[in-house]
Each structure stands twice: as C-alpha cells, then as structure tokens.
Amino acid sequence: MPQLAFQDENDLLSALRAGDEQAFAVIFKRYWYHLYSAAYSKLQSHEAAEEIVQDLLVTLWEKRSVLLITNLSHYLNVSLKNRCIDHIRRNTTKEKYWQYIQSYFPVMNVEEEVIANELEDALEKGIEELPEKSRVIFKLNRFEGLSNSEIASKVKLSEKSVEYHITKSLKQLRKYLKDFSVSIWIISISQLF
C-alpha cells in the first residue's frame, strides 16, 4: 500500500493490523520523536526514554492483531505514560532497597566497601544462575516491586507457582551466598565499634 494511502489514521491502523510493515514504518516515523521527547521529559534519561519507546513500538507491532485501537495517538500517549510510571515505580523500589542497605551499613571503610561490592557481584551472578522462569519472577518481585498476583498475571502462572519460584530462588541464593555471610557479619560487627 503506498504511503499516501496512510493519510487517514483508520487506513493506517487497518494496514498495521494486516501486518503491513510499511504502515508500521509510517507509525514509527510519525510518532517516534514525539514519544521519545515525552518520555525524556518525564525520566530525564536518554537510555530509559529510548528503551521505553522502543518497547512500546515493538509491543504495538507484536500485538497488532489483537489490540483494539481506535485512536492511535491517544493509545500511544497513554501507553507511554503508563510505561514511564512503571519505570519510575521500579526505580523507586530499587532506591528504597539501596537506602535500606545504606542505613544498615551507614559508613563503610574501603575494606567493607570492597566486600559489599563483591557481595553485589556475587548476588548478580547468583541471580543469573537461577532457572530462567525463577530468575524472571525473582527480579519482578525484588527489583520491580511487583506483588505475587501482579507477577502471576504477567507471566501467566498461579500465585502459588509464583510463590514457589520466589521461595526456591531465595533458597538457592542463600546457598550461593553462604560464603558471604561471614563477610556480612564482619561488616555488621565493625559497625558496632
């Protein structure tokens, strides 16, 4: 379908639903900069804004046949707003964890900081060694702050299954990090003196 035929938004949406790549390219060219600018103004991060807009447009393409869109501009703007809110919420949750850690270990000397960095690296490696589904569920719960019911609907499992994966992940991480328990104890004791 020639690009001129896409002047009407309904024609553009119909072509998109039919899987027309040129229609998607027109949508991309027409909306990308506006969406990126709006995301950047909310997040103040080029990387986050680009990632959110890219994810939004990829989702639009992947779900083109099932999305019931009547106003494309409105759909994209509302979706972008929701994704920005989710991003801010996830980062707020991470910030709360970091503040907790800082309050637990208020002032670290160089040795304690090295141990804390090694612990963080080990935790990241331990998380990467979890089975894929457990790793995804654990990250959604601990890093993005989603509840078990939110995770269950997102990954299409029961809440009990989500709970099982989180419990299993915590057990495996405890085993993986057992060597660091002494280091944590040393840091804790040194804070008392």
N, C-alpha and C. Protein backbone atom coordinates (compact mmCIF):
# COMPACT_ATOMS: atom_id res chain seq x y z
N MET A 1 0.86 -1.18 0.00
CA MET A 1 0.00 0.00 0.00
C MET A 1 0.90 1.24 0.00
N PRO A 2 0.71 2.16 -0.91
CA PRO A 2 1.56 3.34 -0.94
C PRO A 2 1.37 4.20 0.30
N GLN A 3 2.43 4.93 0.64
CA GLN A 3 2.40 5.74 1.86
C GLN A 3 1.29 6.78 1.81
N LEU A 4 0.94 7.28 0.65
CA LEU A 4 -0.12 8.28 0.53
C LEU A 4 -1.45 7.74 1.02
N ALA A 5 -1.66 6.44 0.90
CA ALA A 5 -2.92 5.83 1.33
C ALA A 5 -3.04 5.82 2.86
N PHE A 6 -1.96 6.13 3.56
CA PHE A 6 -1.97 6.11 5.01
C PHE A 6 -2.25 7.48 5.62
N GLN A 7 -2.72 8.42 4.83
CA GLN A 7 -3.00 9.74 5.38
C GLN A 7 -4.10 9.67 6.43
N ASP A 8 -5.05 8.78 6.25
CA ASP A 8 -6.13 8.59 7.21
C ASP A 8 -5.68 7.58 8.26
N GLU A 9 -5.86 7.92 9.54
CA GLU A 9 -5.40 7.05 10.62
C GLU A 9 -6.08 5.68 10.59
N ASN A 10 -7.36 5.63 10.20
CA ASN A 10 -8.06 4.34 10.14
C ASN A 10 -7.43 3.41 9.10
N ASP A 11 -7.02 3.98 7.95
CA ASP A 11 -6.34 3.16 6.94
C ASP A 11 -5.00 2.65 7.47
N LEU A 12 -4.33 3.52 8.18
CA LEU A 12 -3.03 3.15 8.76
C LEU A 12 -3.20 2.02 9.78
N LEU A 13 -4.20 2.14 10.65
CA LEU A 13 -4.46 1.09 11.64
C LEU A 13 -4.88 -0.22 10.98
N SER A 14 -5.70 -0.13 9.95
CA SER A 14 -6.13 -1.35 9.24
C SER A 14 -4.94 -2.06 8.60
N ALA A 15 -4.07 -1.27 7.98
CA ALA A 15 -2.89 -1.85 7.36
C ALA A 15 -1.96 -2.45 8.42
N LEU A 16 -1.83 -1.78 9.53
CA LEU A 16 -0.99 -2.30 10.62
C LEU A 16 -1.54 -3.64 11.10
N ARG A 17 -2.86 -3.71 11.36
CA ARG A 17 -3.48 -4.95 11.81
C ARG A 17 -3.26 -6.10 10.82
N ALA A 18 -3.19 -5.74 9.54
CA ALA A 18 -2.99 -6.75 8.50
C ALA A 18 -1.51 -7.15 8.38
N GLY A 19 -0.65 -6.51 9.16
CA GLY A 19 0.77 -6.88 9.15
C GLY A 19 1.59 -6.13 8.13
N ASP A 20 1.11 -5.00 7.67
CA ASP A 20 1.82 -4.20 6.67
C ASP A 20 3.01 -3.49 7.34
N GLU A 21 4.22 -3.90 6.96
CA GLU A 21 5.42 -3.33 7.54
C GLU A 21 5.59 -1.86 7.19
N GLN A 22 5.12 -1.47 6.01
CA GLN A 22 5.22 -0.06 5.62
C GLN A 22 4.33 0.80 6.52
N ALA A 23 3.18 0.28 6.92
CA ALA A 23 2.30 1.02 7.84
C ALA A 23 3.01 1.21 9.18
N PHE A 24 3.68 0.16 9.63
CA PHE A 24 4.42 0.28 10.89
C PHE A 24 5.54 1.30 10.75
N ALA A 25 6.23 1.31 9.61
CA ALA A 25 7.31 2.28 9.38
C ALA A 25 6.76 3.71 9.41
N VAL A 26 5.58 3.92 8.86
CA VAL A 26 4.96 5.24 8.88
C VAL A 26 4.64 5.65 10.31
N ILE A 27 4.10 4.71 11.09
CA ILE A 27 3.80 4.99 12.51
C ILE A 27 5.08 5.33 13.25
N PHE A 28 6.10 4.55 13.00
CA PHE A 28 7.39 4.79 13.66
C PHE A 28 7.89 6.20 13.35
N LYS A 29 7.92 6.55 12.06
CA LYS A 29 8.42 7.87 11.66
C LYS A 29 7.54 8.99 12.19
N ARG A 30 6.26 8.77 12.22
CA ARG A 30 5.32 9.80 12.64
C ARG A 30 5.35 10.05 14.15
N TYR A 31 5.55 9.00 14.94
CA TYR A 31 5.37 9.13 16.39
C TYR A 31 6.64 9.01 17.22
N TRP A 32 7.71 8.43 16.67
CA TRP A 32 8.87 8.13 17.50
C TRP A 32 9.41 9.35 18.22
N TYR A 33 9.69 10.43 17.53
CA TYR A 33 10.32 11.58 18.17
C TYR A 33 9.42 12.19 19.25
N HIS A 34 8.14 12.29 18.96
CA HIS A 34 7.20 12.84 19.96
C HIS A 34 7.18 11.96 21.22
N LEU A 35 7.12 10.65 21.03
CA LEU A 35 7.11 9.73 22.18
C LEU A 35 8.42 9.81 22.95
N TYR A 36 9.53 9.83 22.23
CA TYR A 36 10.84 9.92 22.88
C TYR A 36 10.94 11.22 23.68
N SER A 37 10.53 12.33 23.11
CA SER A 37 10.60 13.63 23.80
C SER A 37 9.77 13.62 25.07
N ALA A 38 8.56 13.05 24.98
CA ALA A 38 7.68 12.99 26.15
C ALA A 38 8.29 12.10 27.23
N ALA A 39 8.85 10.97 26.84
CA ALA A 39 9.46 10.06 27.82
C ALA A 39 10.69 10.72 28.45
N TYR A 40 11.49 11.37 27.64
CA TYR A 40 12.69 12.02 28.17
C TYR A 40 12.33 13.14 29.15
N SER A 41 11.29 13.89 28.85
CA SER A 41 10.90 14.98 29.75
C SER A 41 10.44 14.45 31.11
N LYS A 42 9.89 13.25 31.14
CA LYS A 42 9.44 12.66 32.40
C LYS A 42 10.58 11.96 33.15
N LEU A 43 11.49 11.32 32.41
CA LEU A 43 12.51 10.46 33.03
C LEU A 43 13.89 11.09 33.12
N GLN A 44 14.16 12.08 32.28
CA GLN A 44 15.47 12.73 32.24
C GLN A 44 16.60 11.74 31.99
N SER A 45 16.33 10.75 31.17
CA SER A 45 17.34 9.74 30.83
C SER A 45 17.14 9.34 29.37
N HIS A 46 18.19 9.56 28.56
CA HIS A 46 18.11 9.19 27.14
C HIS A 46 17.90 7.68 26.99
N GLU A 47 18.69 6.90 27.76
CA GLU A 47 18.62 5.44 27.64
C GLU A 47 17.24 4.92 28.01
N ALA A 48 16.71 5.40 29.14
CA ALA A 48 15.39 4.94 29.58
C ALA A 48 14.31 5.35 28.60
N ALA A 49 14.38 6.58 28.10
CA ALA A 49 13.37 7.06 27.14
C ALA A 49 13.41 6.22 25.86
N GLU A 50 14.61 5.98 25.33
CA GLU A 50 14.73 5.17 24.12
C GLU A 50 14.21 3.76 24.34
N GLU A 51 14.58 3.17 25.47
CA GLU A 51 14.16 1.80 25.77
C GLU A 51 12.64 1.69 25.89
N ILE A 52 12.03 2.64 26.56
CA ILE A 52 10.58 2.61 26.75
C ILE A 52 9.86 2.78 25.41
N VAL A 53 10.30 3.73 24.60
CA VAL A 53 9.65 3.96 23.30
C VAL A 53 9.84 2.75 22.40
N GLN A 54 11.04 2.20 22.39
CA GLN A 54 11.30 1.01 21.58
C GLN A 54 10.40 -0.14 22.02
N ASP A 55 10.31 -0.37 23.32
CA ASP A 55 9.47 -1.45 23.85
C ASP A 55 8.00 -1.22 23.48
N LEU A 56 7.55 0.02 23.57
CA LEU A 56 6.16 0.35 23.23
C LEU A 56 5.88 0.05 21.77
N LEU A 57 6.77 0.46 20.88
CA LEU A 57 6.55 0.24 19.45
C LEU A 57 6.69 -1.23 19.07
N VAL A 58 7.61 -1.94 19.72
CA VAL A 58 7.72 -3.38 19.46
C VAL A 58 6.45 -4.10 19.90
N THR A 59 5.92 -3.71 21.06
CA THR A 59 4.68 -4.30 21.54
C THR A 59 3.52 -4.00 20.58
N LEU A 60 3.48 -2.78 20.08
CA LEU A 60 2.45 -2.41 19.10
C LEU A 60 2.51 -3.33 17.89
N TRP A 61 3.72 -3.59 17.40
CA TRP A 61 3.87 -4.47 16.23
C TRP A 61 3.50 -5.92 16.58
N GLU A 62 4.01 -6.40 17.70
CA GLU A 62 3.78 -7.80 18.06
C GLU A 62 2.31 -8.09 18.37
N LYS A 63 1.60 -7.13 18.94
CA LYS A 63 0.20 -7.34 19.32
C LYS A 63 -0.78 -6.64 18.39
N ARG A 64 -0.31 -6.28 17.20
CA ARG A 64 -1.11 -5.51 16.26
C ARG A 64 -2.46 -6.13 15.93
N SER A 65 -2.51 -7.45 15.90
CA SER A 65 -3.76 -8.11 15.50
C SER A 65 -4.77 -8.21 16.64
N VAL A 66 -4.34 -8.04 17.88
CA VAL A 66 -5.28 -8.17 19.00
C VAL A 66 -5.59 -6.85 19.69
N LEU A 67 -4.81 -5.82 19.44
CA LEU A 67 -5.07 -4.53 20.07
C LEU A 67 -6.28 -3.87 19.43
N LEU A 68 -7.17 -3.37 20.26
CA LEU A 68 -8.36 -2.69 19.77
C LEU A 68 -8.13 -1.18 19.90
N ILE A 69 -7.46 -0.63 18.91
CA ILE A 69 -7.09 0.78 18.93
C ILE A 69 -8.04 1.54 18.01
N THR A 70 -8.64 2.59 18.57
CA THR A 70 -9.49 3.44 17.73
C THR A 70 -8.81 4.80 17.48
N ASN A 71 -7.95 5.22 18.41
CA ASN A 71 -7.23 6.48 18.28
C ASN A 71 -5.77 6.18 18.58
N LEU A 72 -4.96 6.08 17.54
CA LEU A 72 -3.57 5.66 17.68
C LEU A 72 -2.76 6.62 18.55
N SER A 73 -2.90 7.89 18.31
CA SER A 73 -2.14 8.88 19.08
C SER A 73 -2.47 8.77 20.57
N HIS A 74 -3.74 8.66 20.89
CA HIS A 74 -4.17 8.54 22.29
C HIS A 74 -3.62 7.24 22.90
N TYR A 75 -3.74 6.14 22.16
CA TYR A 75 -3.23 4.86 22.64
C TYR A 75 -1.73 4.94 22.95
N LEU A 76 -0.95 5.49 22.02
CA LEU A 76 0.49 5.58 22.22
C LEU A 76 0.85 6.47 23.40
N ASN A 77 0.17 7.60 23.53
CA ASN A 77 0.47 8.52 24.64
C ASN A 77 0.11 7.92 26.00
N VAL A 78 -1.03 7.26 26.09
CA VAL A 78 -1.43 6.63 27.36
C VAL A 78 -0.49 5.47 27.69
N SER A 79 -0.15 4.67 26.70
CA SER A 79 0.77 3.56 26.91
C SER A 79 2.13 4.08 27.37
N LEU A 80 2.59 5.15 26.75
CA LEU A 80 3.87 5.73 27.13
C LEU A 80 3.82 6.23 28.57
N LYS A 81 2.75 6.91 28.92
CA LYS A 81 2.60 7.42 30.29
C LYS A 81 2.65 6.28 31.30
N ASN A 82 1.93 5.19 31.01
CA ASN A 82 1.91 4.04 31.92
C ASN A 82 3.29 3.39 32.03
N ARG A 83 4.00 3.29 30.93
CA ARG A 83 5.34 2.70 30.96
C ARG A 83 6.31 3.58 31.74
N CYS A 84 6.17 4.89 31.60
CA CYS A 84 7.03 5.80 32.38
C CYS A 84 6.74 5.67 33.87
N ILE A 85 5.47 5.57 34.22
CA ILE A 85 5.09 5.39 35.63
C ILE A 85 5.67 4.09 36.16
N ASP A 86 5.56 3.01 35.38
CA ASP A 86 6.13 1.72 35.81
C ASP A 86 7.64 1.84 36.00
N HIS A 87 8.31 2.53 35.08
CA HIS A 87 9.76 2.70 35.19
C HIS A 87 10.12 3.47 36.46
N ILE A 88 9.41 4.52 36.73
CA ILE A 88 9.67 5.33 37.93
C ILE A 88 9.40 4.49 39.18
N ARG A 89 8.33 3.71 39.17
CA ARG A 89 8.00 2.86 40.32
C ARG A 89 9.09 1.82 40.56
N ARG A 90 9.59 1.20 39.49
CA ARG A 90 10.67 0.21 39.64
C ARG A 90 11.92 0.86 40.22
N ASN A 91 12.27 2.03 39.70
CA ASN A 91 13.47 2.71 40.20
C ASN A 91 13.29 3.17 41.64
N THR A 92 12.07 3.54 42.01
CA THR A 92 11.80 3.93 43.39
C THR A 92 12.01 2.74 44.31
N THR A 93 11.56 1.56 43.89
CA THR A 93 11.74 0.34 44.68
C THR A 93 13.22 0.04 44.84
N LYS A 94 14.00 0.14 43.76
CA LYS A 94 15.44 -0.09 43.85
C LYS A 94 16.08 0.92 44.79
N GLU A 95 15.65 2.17 44.71
CA GLU A 95 16.20 3.22 45.57
C GLU A 95 15.89 2.92 47.03
N LYS A 96 14.68 2.40 47.32
CA LYS A 96 14.33 2.05 48.70
C LYS A 96 15.26 0.96 49.23
N TYR A 97 15.54 -0.06 48.39
CA TYR A 97 16.46 -1.11 48.80
C TYR A 97 17.84 -0.52 49.07
N TRP A 98 18.31 0.36 48.20
CA TRP A 98 19.63 0.95 48.38
C TRP A 98 19.67 1.78 49.67
N GLN A 99 18.62 2.54 49.95
CA GLN A 99 18.57 3.33 51.18
C GLN A 99 18.58 2.42 52.40
N TYR A 100 17.89 1.29 52.32
CA TYR A 100 17.89 0.33 53.42
C TYR A 100 19.30 -0.19 53.67
N ILE A 101 19.98 -0.55 52.58
CA ILE A 101 21.35 -1.06 52.71
C ILE A 101 22.25 0.00 53.31
N GLN A 102 22.11 1.23 52.84
CA GLN A 102 22.94 2.32 53.36
C GLN A 102 22.65 2.58 54.84
N SER A 103 21.39 2.44 55.25
CA SER A 103 21.08 2.66 56.66
C SER A 103 21.59 1.50 57.51
N TYR A 104 21.63 0.30 56.94
CA TYR A 104 22.11 -0.86 57.67
C TYR A 104 23.63 -0.82 57.80
N PHE A 105 24.29 -0.36 56.75
CA PHE A 105 25.74 -0.20 56.74
C PHE A 105 26.06 1.27 56.49
N PRO A 106 25.84 2.14 57.49
CA PRO A 106 25.90 3.58 57.24
C PRO A 106 27.23 4.10 56.71
N VAL A 107 28.33 3.76 57.33
CA VAL A 107 29.63 4.27 56.88
C VAL A 107 30.54 3.08 56.66
N MET A 108 31.00 2.94 55.43
CA MET A 108 31.87 1.81 55.13
C MET A 108 33.28 2.29 54.89
N ASN A 109 34.23 1.54 55.44
CA ASN A 109 35.61 1.84 55.10
C ASN A 109 35.92 1.12 53.79
N VAL A 110 37.13 1.24 53.29
CA VAL A 110 37.49 0.68 51.99
C VAL A 110 37.29 -0.83 51.97
N GLU A 111 37.72 -1.51 53.02
CA GLU A 111 37.58 -2.97 53.07
C GLU A 111 36.12 -3.38 53.03
N GLU A 112 35.30 -2.70 53.81
CA GLU A 112 33.87 -3.02 53.84
C GLU A 112 33.21 -2.74 52.50
N GLU A 113 33.65 -1.66 51.84
CA GLU A 113 33.10 -1.32 50.54
C GLU A 113 33.46 -2.38 49.50
N VAL A 114 34.69 -2.88 49.57
CA VAL A 114 35.14 -3.95 48.67
C VAL A 114 34.28 -5.20 48.89
N ILE A 115 34.07 -5.55 50.17
CA ILE A 115 33.25 -6.73 50.48
C ILE A 115 31.82 -6.52 49.98
N ALA A 116 31.28 -5.32 50.18
CA ALA A 116 29.92 -5.03 49.72
C ALA A 116 29.82 -5.13 48.20
N ASN A 117 30.84 -4.63 47.49
CA ASN A 117 30.85 -4.73 46.02
C ASN A 117 30.96 -6.18 45.57
N GLU A 118 31.80 -6.96 46.26
CA GLU A 118 31.92 -8.38 45.93
C GLU A 118 30.60 -9.10 46.19
N LEU A 119 29.94 -8.74 47.27
CA LEU A 119 28.65 -9.34 47.58
C LEU A 119 27.63 -9.00 46.50
N GLU A 120 27.62 -7.75 46.06
CA GLU A 120 26.69 -7.34 45.00
C GLU A 120 26.96 -8.12 43.71
N ASP A 121 28.25 -8.26 43.36
CA ASP A 121 28.62 -9.03 42.16
C ASP A 121 28.19 -10.49 42.30
N ALA A 122 28.43 -11.06 43.48
CA ALA A 122 28.06 -12.46 43.71
C ALA A 122 26.54 -12.62 43.63
N LEU A 123 25.80 -11.65 44.17
CA LEU A 123 24.34 -11.71 44.12
C LEU A 123 23.87 -11.68 42.66
N GLU A 124 24.45 -10.80 41.86
CA GLU A 124 24.08 -10.73 40.44
C GLU A 124 24.38 -12.04 39.74
N LYS A 125 25.55 -12.65 40.03
CA LYS A 125 25.90 -13.93 39.42
C LYS A 125 24.96 -15.03 39.89
N GLY A 126 24.64 -15.00 41.19
CA GLY A 126 23.70 -15.99 41.73
C GLY A 126 22.33 -15.89 41.08
N ILE A 127 21.87 -14.68 40.86
CA ILE A 127 20.57 -14.48 40.21
C ILE A 127 20.62 -15.00 38.78
N GLU A 128 21.73 -14.76 38.08
CA GLU A 128 21.86 -15.22 36.70
C GLU A 128 21.90 -16.74 36.61
N GLU A 129 22.30 -17.43 37.70
CA GLU A 129 22.34 -18.89 37.68
C GLU A 129 21.00 -19.53 38.01
N LEU A 130 20.01 -18.72 38.41
CA LEU A 130 18.68 -19.26 38.67
C LEU A 130 18.07 -19.75 37.35
N PRO A 131 17.18 -20.75 37.41
CA PRO A 131 16.47 -21.14 36.18
C PRO A 131 15.73 -19.91 35.63
N GLU A 132 15.58 -19.87 34.33
CA GLU A 132 15.06 -18.66 33.67
C GLU A 132 13.75 -18.16 34.27
N LYS A 133 12.77 -19.04 34.43
CA LYS A 133 11.47 -18.61 34.95
C LYS A 133 11.60 -18.08 36.38
N SER A 134 12.38 -18.77 37.20
CA SER A 134 12.60 -18.32 38.58
C SER A 134 13.31 -16.98 38.60
N ARG A 135 14.29 -16.79 37.71
CA ARG A 135 15.04 -15.54 37.64
C ARG A 135 14.12 -14.38 37.27
N VAL A 136 13.27 -14.60 36.27
CA VAL A 136 12.34 -13.55 35.84
C VAL A 136 11.40 -13.19 36.98
N ILE A 137 10.83 -14.18 37.63
CA ILE A 137 9.88 -13.95 38.72
C ILE A 137 10.58 -13.27 39.89
N PHE A 138 11.77 -13.71 40.23
CA PHE A 138 12.52 -13.10 41.34
C PHE A 138 12.79 -11.63 41.06
N LYS A 139 13.24 -11.31 39.85
CA LYS A 139 13.54 -9.92 39.50
C LYS A 139 12.27 -9.06 39.52
N LEU A 140 11.18 -9.60 39.01
CA LEU A 140 9.92 -8.85 39.03
C LEU A 140 9.50 -8.53 40.46
N ASN A 141 9.72 -9.49 41.36
CA ASN A 141 9.32 -9.31 42.75
C ASN A 141 10.28 -8.40 43.51
N ARG A 142 11.55 -8.70 43.45
CA ARG A 142 12.52 -8.00 44.29
C ARG A 142 13.01 -6.68 43.71
N PHE A 143 13.13 -6.58 42.39
CA PHE A 143 13.69 -5.37 41.80
C PHE A 143 12.64 -4.44 41.21
N GLU A 144 11.52 -5.01 40.78
CA GLU A 144 10.48 -4.16 40.22
C GLU A 144 9.33 -3.95 41.20
N GLY A 145 9.36 -4.66 42.33
CA GLY A 145 8.38 -4.44 43.38
C GLY A 145 6.98 -4.93 43.07
N LEU A 146 6.85 -5.87 42.13
CA LEU A 146 5.52 -6.39 41.80
C LEU A 146 5.07 -7.40 42.84
N SER A 147 3.78 -7.42 43.10
CA SER A 147 3.21 -8.39 44.04
C SER A 147 3.10 -9.75 43.35
N ASN A 148 2.86 -10.78 44.15
CA ASN A 148 2.71 -12.13 43.57
C ASN A 148 1.56 -12.18 42.58
N SER A 149 0.45 -11.50 42.87
CA SER A 149 -0.69 -11.53 41.95
C SER A 149 -0.36 -10.79 40.65
N GLU A 150 0.37 -9.68 40.75
CA GLU A 150 0.76 -8.95 39.53
C GLU A 150 1.70 -9.80 38.68
N ILE A 151 2.63 -10.48 39.34
CA ILE A 151 3.57 -11.34 38.62
C ILE A 151 2.81 -12.50 37.97
N ALA A 152 1.87 -13.09 38.73
CA ALA A 152 1.11 -14.23 38.21
C ALA A 152 0.39 -13.87 36.92
N SER A 153 -0.23 -12.70 36.89
CA SER A 153 -0.95 -12.32 35.67
C SER A 153 0.03 -11.98 34.54
N LYS A 154 1.19 -11.45 34.89
CA LYS A 154 2.17 -11.07 33.87
C LYS A 154 2.83 -12.30 33.22
N VAL A 155 3.16 -13.32 34.04
CA VAL A 155 3.85 -14.50 33.50
C VAL A 155 2.90 -15.68 33.26
N LYS A 156 1.63 -15.45 33.51
CA LYS A 156 0.58 -16.44 33.25
C LYS A 156 0.78 -17.73 34.05
N LEU A 157 0.98 -17.55 35.38
CA LEU A 157 1.09 -18.66 36.32
C LEU A 157 0.15 -18.39 37.49
N SER A 158 -0.08 -19.39 38.31
CA SER A 158 -0.88 -19.18 39.51
C SER A 158 -0.03 -18.46 40.54
N GLU A 159 -0.70 -17.83 41.52
CA GLU A 159 0.03 -17.14 42.59
C GLU A 159 0.87 -18.14 43.39
N LYS A 160 0.36 -19.35 43.57
CA LYS A 160 1.11 -20.39 44.30
C LYS A 160 2.41 -20.72 43.56
N SER A 161 2.34 -20.80 42.24
CA SER A 161 3.55 -21.09 41.45
C SER A 161 4.56 -19.95 41.58
N VAL A 162 4.07 -18.73 41.56
CA VAL A 162 4.95 -17.57 41.73
C VAL A 162 5.62 -17.63 43.10
N GLU A 163 4.82 -17.92 44.13
CA GLU A 163 5.34 -18.03 45.49
C GLU A 163 6.42 -19.13 45.56
N TYR A 164 6.15 -20.25 44.90
CA TYR A 164 7.11 -21.36 44.86
C TYR A 164 8.43 -20.91 44.23
N HIS A 165 8.36 -20.22 43.09
CA HIS A 165 9.57 -19.77 42.40
C HIS A 165 10.37 -18.78 43.26
N ILE A 166 9.68 -17.90 43.97
CA ILE A 166 10.38 -16.92 44.82
C ILE A 166 11.07 -17.65 45.97
N THR A 167 10.35 -18.57 46.61
CA THR A 167 10.93 -19.34 47.73
C THR A 167 12.13 -20.15 47.25
N LYS A 168 11.97 -20.81 46.12
CA LYS A 168 13.05 -21.62 45.54
C LYS A 168 14.26 -20.72 45.22
N SER A 169 14.02 -19.55 44.67
CA SER A 169 15.10 -18.62 44.33
C SER A 169 15.84 -18.16 45.58
N LEU A 170 15.10 -17.83 46.62
CA LEU A 170 15.73 -17.37 47.87
C LEU A 170 16.60 -18.47 48.48
N LYS A 171 16.09 -19.73 48.46
CA LYS A 171 16.89 -20.85 49.00
C LYS A 171 18.18 -21.01 48.21
N GLN A 172 18.06 -20.97 46.88
CA GLN A 172 19.24 -21.16 46.03
C GLN A 172 20.23 -20.00 46.22
N LEU A 173 19.73 -18.79 46.36
CA LEU A 173 20.62 -17.64 46.56
C LEU A 173 21.30 -17.71 47.94
N ARG A 174 20.56 -18.17 48.95
CA ARG A 174 21.19 -18.32 50.28
C ARG A 174 22.37 -19.29 50.20
N LYS A 175 22.16 -20.42 49.50
CA LYS A 175 23.25 -21.39 49.35
C LYS A 175 24.40 -20.77 48.57
N TYR A 176 24.07 -20.06 47.52
CA TYR A 176 25.10 -19.47 46.67
C TYR A 176 25.91 -18.42 47.43
N LEU A 177 25.25 -17.70 48.33
CA LEU A 177 25.89 -16.58 49.04
C LEU A 177 26.37 -16.96 50.44
N LYS A 178 26.36 -18.24 50.79
CA LYS A 178 26.72 -18.63 52.16
C LYS A 178 28.13 -18.20 52.54
N ASP A 179 29.05 -18.16 51.57
CA ASP A 179 30.42 -17.72 51.86
C ASP A 179 30.48 -16.25 52.25
N PHE A 180 29.48 -15.49 51.83
CA PHE A 180 29.47 -14.07 52.15
C PHE A 180 28.83 -13.77 53.49
N SER A 181 28.20 -14.75 54.11
CA SER A 181 27.55 -14.49 55.39
C SER A 181 28.56 -14.08 56.45
N VAL A 182 29.76 -14.63 56.38
CA VAL A 182 30.82 -14.24 57.32
C VAL A 182 31.23 -12.80 57.05
N SER A 183 31.35 -12.43 55.80
CA SER A 183 31.73 -11.06 55.45
C SER A 183 30.67 -10.07 55.94
N ILE A 184 29.41 -10.42 55.77
CA ILE A 184 28.33 -9.55 56.23
C ILE A 184 28.38 -9.42 57.74
N TRP A 185 28.66 -10.52 58.42
CA TRP A 185 28.75 -10.49 59.88
C TRP A 185 29.89 -9.58 60.32
N ILE A 186 31.03 -9.66 59.61
CA ILE A 186 32.18 -8.81 59.94
C ILE A 186 31.82 -7.34 59.78
N ILE A 187 31.16 -7.02 58.67
CA ILE A 187 30.75 -5.63 58.44
C ILE A 187 29.80 -5.18 59.54
N SER A 188 28.84 -6.02 59.89
CA SER A 188 27.86 -5.68 60.92
C SER A 188 28.55 -5.43 62.26
N ILE A 189 29.47 -6.29 62.64
CA ILE A 189 30.17 -6.16 63.92
C ILE A 189 31.03 -4.88 63.91
N SER A 190 31.70 -4.63 62.79
CA SER A 190 32.57 -3.45 62.73
C SER A 190 31.77 -2.16 62.85
N GLN A 191 30.50 -2.18 62.46
CA GLN A 191 29.66 -1.00 62.60
C GLN A 191 29.33 -0.70 64.05
N LEU A 192 29.38 -1.71 64.89
CA LEU A 192 29.06 -1.52 66.30
C LEU A 192 30.20 -0.86 67.05
N PHE A 193 31.43 -0.95 66.54
CA PHE A 193 32.58 -0.41 67.27
C PHE A 193 33.13 0.84 66.66
